[in-house]
Amino acid sequence: MYEARSKDIVLRKIREALAKSAPFVPPTPDSSTSVYQPLDEDLSIEFATNFLNTGGKFIYCESEENFYDQLFEYKQENQINNLYVWQSSLKKQLYAAGVNFIGDEKDFLKKAEASLTTCEALLARTGSILVSSANSGGRRLSIYPEKQLVVARTTQLVPDIKEALYVLREKYAPKLPSMISMVSGPSRTADIEKTLVLGAHGPKQLVLFLIDDLLED
């Protein structure tokens, strides 16, 4: 007497399933529609709220001159003697404003207390800062010092990563920077015994000076 093998049983079930009418097929998803909900707040408010929630320190500057004053006060309050700045445009501006900084790489690893850089964009939805290796500080200025200071302008605010990447493509086409990264608050980890440790992989403090260049216009 013939006994059906497991292979035959499986094939028979497949044939029976194919003979039946197809089940309900859900509609094709609309890939052109954004997966994000519309932002309720102004981009600057949305960014500041999310940035503070990640542990960042936010300093609003009414103008470029106000930024120099705020930076000077921050250095005084935190007793920062070794602020490293490598970007040519920033060095010229700070020199003209009378803000002391170190513009070379001598003894950087030993003395760097803080660094000051620019950024590519500010992501309102996540409160993140988009940075790249195109900056003259490269990776080192955003990793080694205990305090990472970033200066940006309100015109650099974008809703999310999609718009930020558009900005990069237009700025650096046809070749993007070798490193593109989002910084969301100070470096932290809770891998060891679930204890939060700041500065495990980078700066312990992230400070953003946001210049309102819309007011300047």
Protein backbone atom coordinates (compact mmCIF):
# COMPACT_ATOMS: atom_id res chain seq x y z
CA MET A 1 0.00 0.00 0.00
CA TYR A 2 1.31 3.47 -0.96
CA GLU A 3 2.15 5.79 1.91
CA ALA A 4 2.44 9.49 1.17
CA ARG A 5 5.84 10.91 1.95
CA SER A 6 6.23 14.22 3.72
CA LYS A 7 7.40 15.79 0.45
CA ASP A 8 4.20 14.68 -1.31
CA ILE A 9 2.07 16.01 1.52
CA VAL A 10 3.72 19.40 1.32
CA LEU A 11 3.34 19.58 -2.45
CA ARG A 12 -0.32 18.60 -2.20
CA LYS A 13 -0.98 21.36 0.31
CA ILE A 14 0.71 23.86 -1.96
CA ARG A 15 -1.43 22.77 -4.93
CA GLU A 16 -4.59 23.04 -2.82
CA ALA A 17 -3.60 26.50 -1.66
CA LEU A 18 -2.91 27.67 -5.22
CA ALA A 19 -6.29 26.35 -6.36
CA LYS A 20 -8.10 28.63 -3.92
CA SER A 21 -8.85 32.26 -4.68
CA ALA A 22 -6.18 34.73 -3.64
CA PRO A 23 -6.65 36.38 -0.25
CA PHE A 24 -7.25 40.09 0.13
CA VAL A 25 -4.22 42.05 -1.02
CA PRO A 26 -3.67 45.31 0.86
CA PRO A 27 -3.21 48.45 -1.22
CA THR A 28 0.28 49.37 -2.32
CA PRO A 29 1.79 51.84 0.17
CA ASP A 30 2.32 55.39 -1.01
CA SER A 31 6.09 55.86 -0.83
CA SER A 32 5.80 59.50 -1.85
CA THR A 33 4.03 60.44 1.39
CA SER A 34 6.20 61.44 4.35
CA VAL A 35 6.33 59.00 7.26
CA TYR A 36 6.62 61.92 9.66
CA GLN A 37 3.79 63.90 11.17
CA PRO A 38 3.87 67.63 10.37
CA LEU A 39 5.83 69.72 12.85
CA ASP A 40 3.53 71.71 15.11
CA GLU A 41 6.05 74.32 16.21
CA ASP A 42 8.37 76.74 14.47
CA LEU A 43 11.59 74.98 13.40
CA SER A 44 13.72 76.91 15.87
CA ILE A 45 11.40 76.09 18.79
CA GLU A 46 11.12 72.44 17.75
CA PHE A 47 14.88 72.13 17.47
CA ALA A 48 15.62 73.88 20.77
CA THR A 49 13.11 71.68 22.63
CA ASN A 50 14.48 68.42 21.22
CA PHE A 51 18.09 69.55 21.57
CA LEU A 52 17.63 70.31 25.26
CA ASN A 53 15.86 66.99 25.75
CA THR A 54 18.99 65.18 24.53
CA GLY A 55 21.13 66.94 27.14
CA GLY A 56 22.59 69.69 24.97
CA LYS A 57 23.17 73.27 26.16
CA PHE A 58 21.46 75.86 23.97
CA ILE A 59 22.60 79.50 23.79
CA TYR A 60 20.54 81.87 21.65
CA CYS A 61 22.39 84.77 20.02
CA GLU A 62 20.53 87.76 18.63
CA SER A 63 23.38 88.64 16.26
CA GLU A 64 26.94 87.74 15.35
CA GLU A 65 28.26 90.35 17.77
CA ASN A 66 26.10 88.88 20.52
CA PHE A 67 27.61 85.48 19.76
CA TYR A 68 31.11 86.78 20.48
CA ASP A 69 29.89 88.20 23.81
CA GLN A 70 28.14 84.95 24.73
CA LEU A 71 31.19 82.87 23.78
CA PHE A 72 33.46 85.11 25.86
CA GLU A 73 31.14 84.79 28.87
CA TYR A 74 30.90 81.01 28.46
CA LYS A 75 34.69 80.72 28.42
CA GLN A 76 34.97 82.86 31.55
CA GLU A 77 32.26 80.98 33.47
CA ASN A 78 33.72 77.56 32.60
CA GLN A 79 37.36 78.68 32.98
CA ILE A 80 38.31 77.53 29.49
CA ASN A 81 41.85 78.55 28.61
CA ASN A 82 42.45 76.23 25.66
CA LEU A 83 39.72 76.65 23.06
CA TYR A 84 40.79 75.10 19.76
CA VAL A 85 39.53 76.54 16.48
CA TRP A 86 40.89 75.37 13.14
CA GLN A 87 38.43 76.74 10.62
CA SER A 88 39.94 79.73 8.81
CA SER A 89 36.77 81.81 8.65
CA LEU A 90 36.07 81.29 12.35
CA LYS A 91 39.62 82.16 13.32
CA LYS A 92 39.43 85.47 11.43
CA GLN A 93 36.10 86.37 13.06
CA LEU A 94 37.22 85.49 16.59
CA TYR A 95 40.52 87.32 16.17
CA ALA A 96 38.69 90.46 15.05
CA ALA A 97 36.29 90.13 17.98
CA GLY A 98 39.11 89.74 20.50
CA VAL A 99 38.18 86.22 21.61
CA ASN A 100 41.25 84.14 22.53
CA PHE A 101 41.66 80.72 20.96
CA ILE A 102 44.33 78.26 19.78
CA GLY A 103 44.49 77.97 16.03
CA ASP A 104 47.16 75.30 15.54
CA GLU A 105 47.42 71.62 16.42
CA LYS A 106 50.35 71.85 18.84
CA ASP A 107 49.72 69.80 22.02
CA PHE A 108 46.09 69.38 20.96
CA LEU A 109 45.60 66.00 22.63
CA LYS A 110 47.13 67.21 25.90
CA LYS A 111 45.58 70.66 26.22
CA ALA A 112 42.27 70.66 24.36
CA GLU A 113 39.57 71.63 26.85
CA ALA A 114 37.04 72.70 24.24
CA SER A 115 36.63 73.04 20.51
CA LEU A 116 34.56 75.37 18.36
CA THR A 117 33.30 74.33 14.92
CA THR A 118 30.54 75.09 12.47
CA CYS A 119 28.09 72.48 11.20
CA GLU A 120 26.22 71.53 8.04
CA ALA A 121 22.62 71.66 9.28
CA LEU A 122 20.34 71.53 12.32
CA LEU A 123 17.62 68.85 12.36
CA ALA A 124 14.56 70.19 14.12
CA ARG A 125 12.70 66.89 14.47
CA THR A 126 15.45 65.16 16.47
CA GLY A 127 17.39 68.12 17.86
CA SER A 128 20.51 66.81 16.12
CA ILE A 129 23.48 68.62 14.60
CA LEU A 130 24.71 67.39 11.22
CA VAL A 131 28.50 67.54 10.86
CA SER A 132 30.90 66.32 8.19
CA SER A 133 34.59 65.82 7.53
CA ALA A 134 34.52 68.74 5.08
CA ASN A 135 35.03 71.04 8.05
CA SER A 136 38.70 71.88 8.60
CA GLY A 137 38.43 70.39 12.10
CA GLY A 138 37.59 67.03 10.60
CA ARG A 139 36.74 64.35 13.14
CA ARG A 140 39.20 65.28 15.87
CA LEU A 141 37.70 68.57 17.02
CA SER A 142 34.33 66.93 17.59
CA ILE A 143 35.69 63.89 19.49
CA TYR A 144 38.72 64.64 21.69
CA PRO A 145 37.89 67.80 23.73
CA GLU A 146 35.64 67.47 26.77
CA LYS A 147 33.43 70.29 25.53
CA GLN A 148 32.22 70.56 21.94
CA LEU A 149 31.03 74.04 20.99
CA VAL A 150 29.14 74.53 17.73
CA VAL A 151 28.06 77.79 16.13
CA ALA A 152 25.18 77.72 13.66
CA ARG A 153 22.57 80.01 12.14
CA THR A 154 18.80 79.81 12.05
CA THR A 155 18.92 79.56 8.25
CA GLN A 156 20.59 76.17 8.71
CA LEU A 157 17.47 74.71 10.34
CA VAL A 158 15.76 71.92 8.39
CA PRO A 159 12.86 69.63 9.40
CA ASP A 160 14.72 66.29 9.25
CA ILE A 161 17.54 64.23 7.71
CA LYS A 162 16.02 64.14 4.22
CA GLU A 163 16.24 67.92 3.79
CA ALA A 164 19.68 67.96 5.43
CA LEU A 165 21.04 65.52 2.84
CA TYR A 166 19.60 67.70 0.06
CA VAL A 167 21.60 70.60 1.52
CA LEU A 168 24.78 68.51 1.47
CA ARG A 169 24.23 67.37 -2.12
CA GLU A 170 23.77 70.93 -3.34
CA LYS A 171 26.78 72.17 -1.37
CA TYR A 172 29.30 69.44 -2.21
CA ALA A 173 28.08 67.93 -5.50
CA PRO A 174 29.20 65.80 -7.19
CA LYS A 175 31.21 64.28 -4.30
CA LEU A 176 29.93 64.14 -0.71
CA PRO A 177 32.27 64.35 2.33
CA SER A 178 33.78 61.04 3.44
CA MET A 179 32.18 61.35 6.88
CA ILE A 180 28.65 62.58 7.63
CA SER A 181 27.34 62.24 11.17
CA MET A 182 24.46 63.39 13.37
CA VAL A 183 25.33 64.54 16.87
CA SER A 184 22.45 64.25 19.33
CA GLY A 185 23.54 65.53 22.71
CA PRO A 186 26.75 64.76 24.62
CA SER A 187 28.42 61.37 24.24
CA ARG A 188 26.90 58.81 26.62
CA THR A 189 26.53 55.11 27.28
CA ALA A 190 24.77 52.85 29.78
CA ASP A 191 26.37 49.60 28.64
CA ILE A 192 28.20 49.03 31.93
CA GLU A 193 25.80 47.94 34.68
CA LYS A 194 23.13 50.22 33.15
CA THR A 195 24.82 53.26 34.66
CA LEU A 196 24.74 56.37 32.49
CA VAL A 197 28.25 57.61 31.75
CA LEU A 198 28.85 60.88 29.91
CA GLY A 199 31.89 61.35 27.69
CA ALA A 200 32.42 57.65 27.05
CA HIS A 201 32.99 58.05 23.32
CA GLY A 202 33.39 61.80 22.95
CA PRO A 203 32.64 65.17 24.59
CA LYS A 204 30.83 65.33 27.92
CA GLN A 205 29.12 68.56 26.96
CA LEU A 206 27.62 69.76 23.68
CA VAL A 207 26.95 73.49 23.43
CA LEU A 208 25.21 75.17 20.51
CA PHE A 209 25.41 78.91 19.86
CA LEU A 210 22.52 79.68 17.51
CA ILE A 211 22.81 83.02 15.72
CA ASP A 212 19.46 84.41 14.58
CA ASP A 213 20.54 85.65 11.16
CA LEU A 214 16.90 86.16 10.17
CA LEU A 215 16.84 89.12 12.56
CA GLU A 216 20.02 90.46 10.99
CA ASP A 217 18.30 90.54 7.58
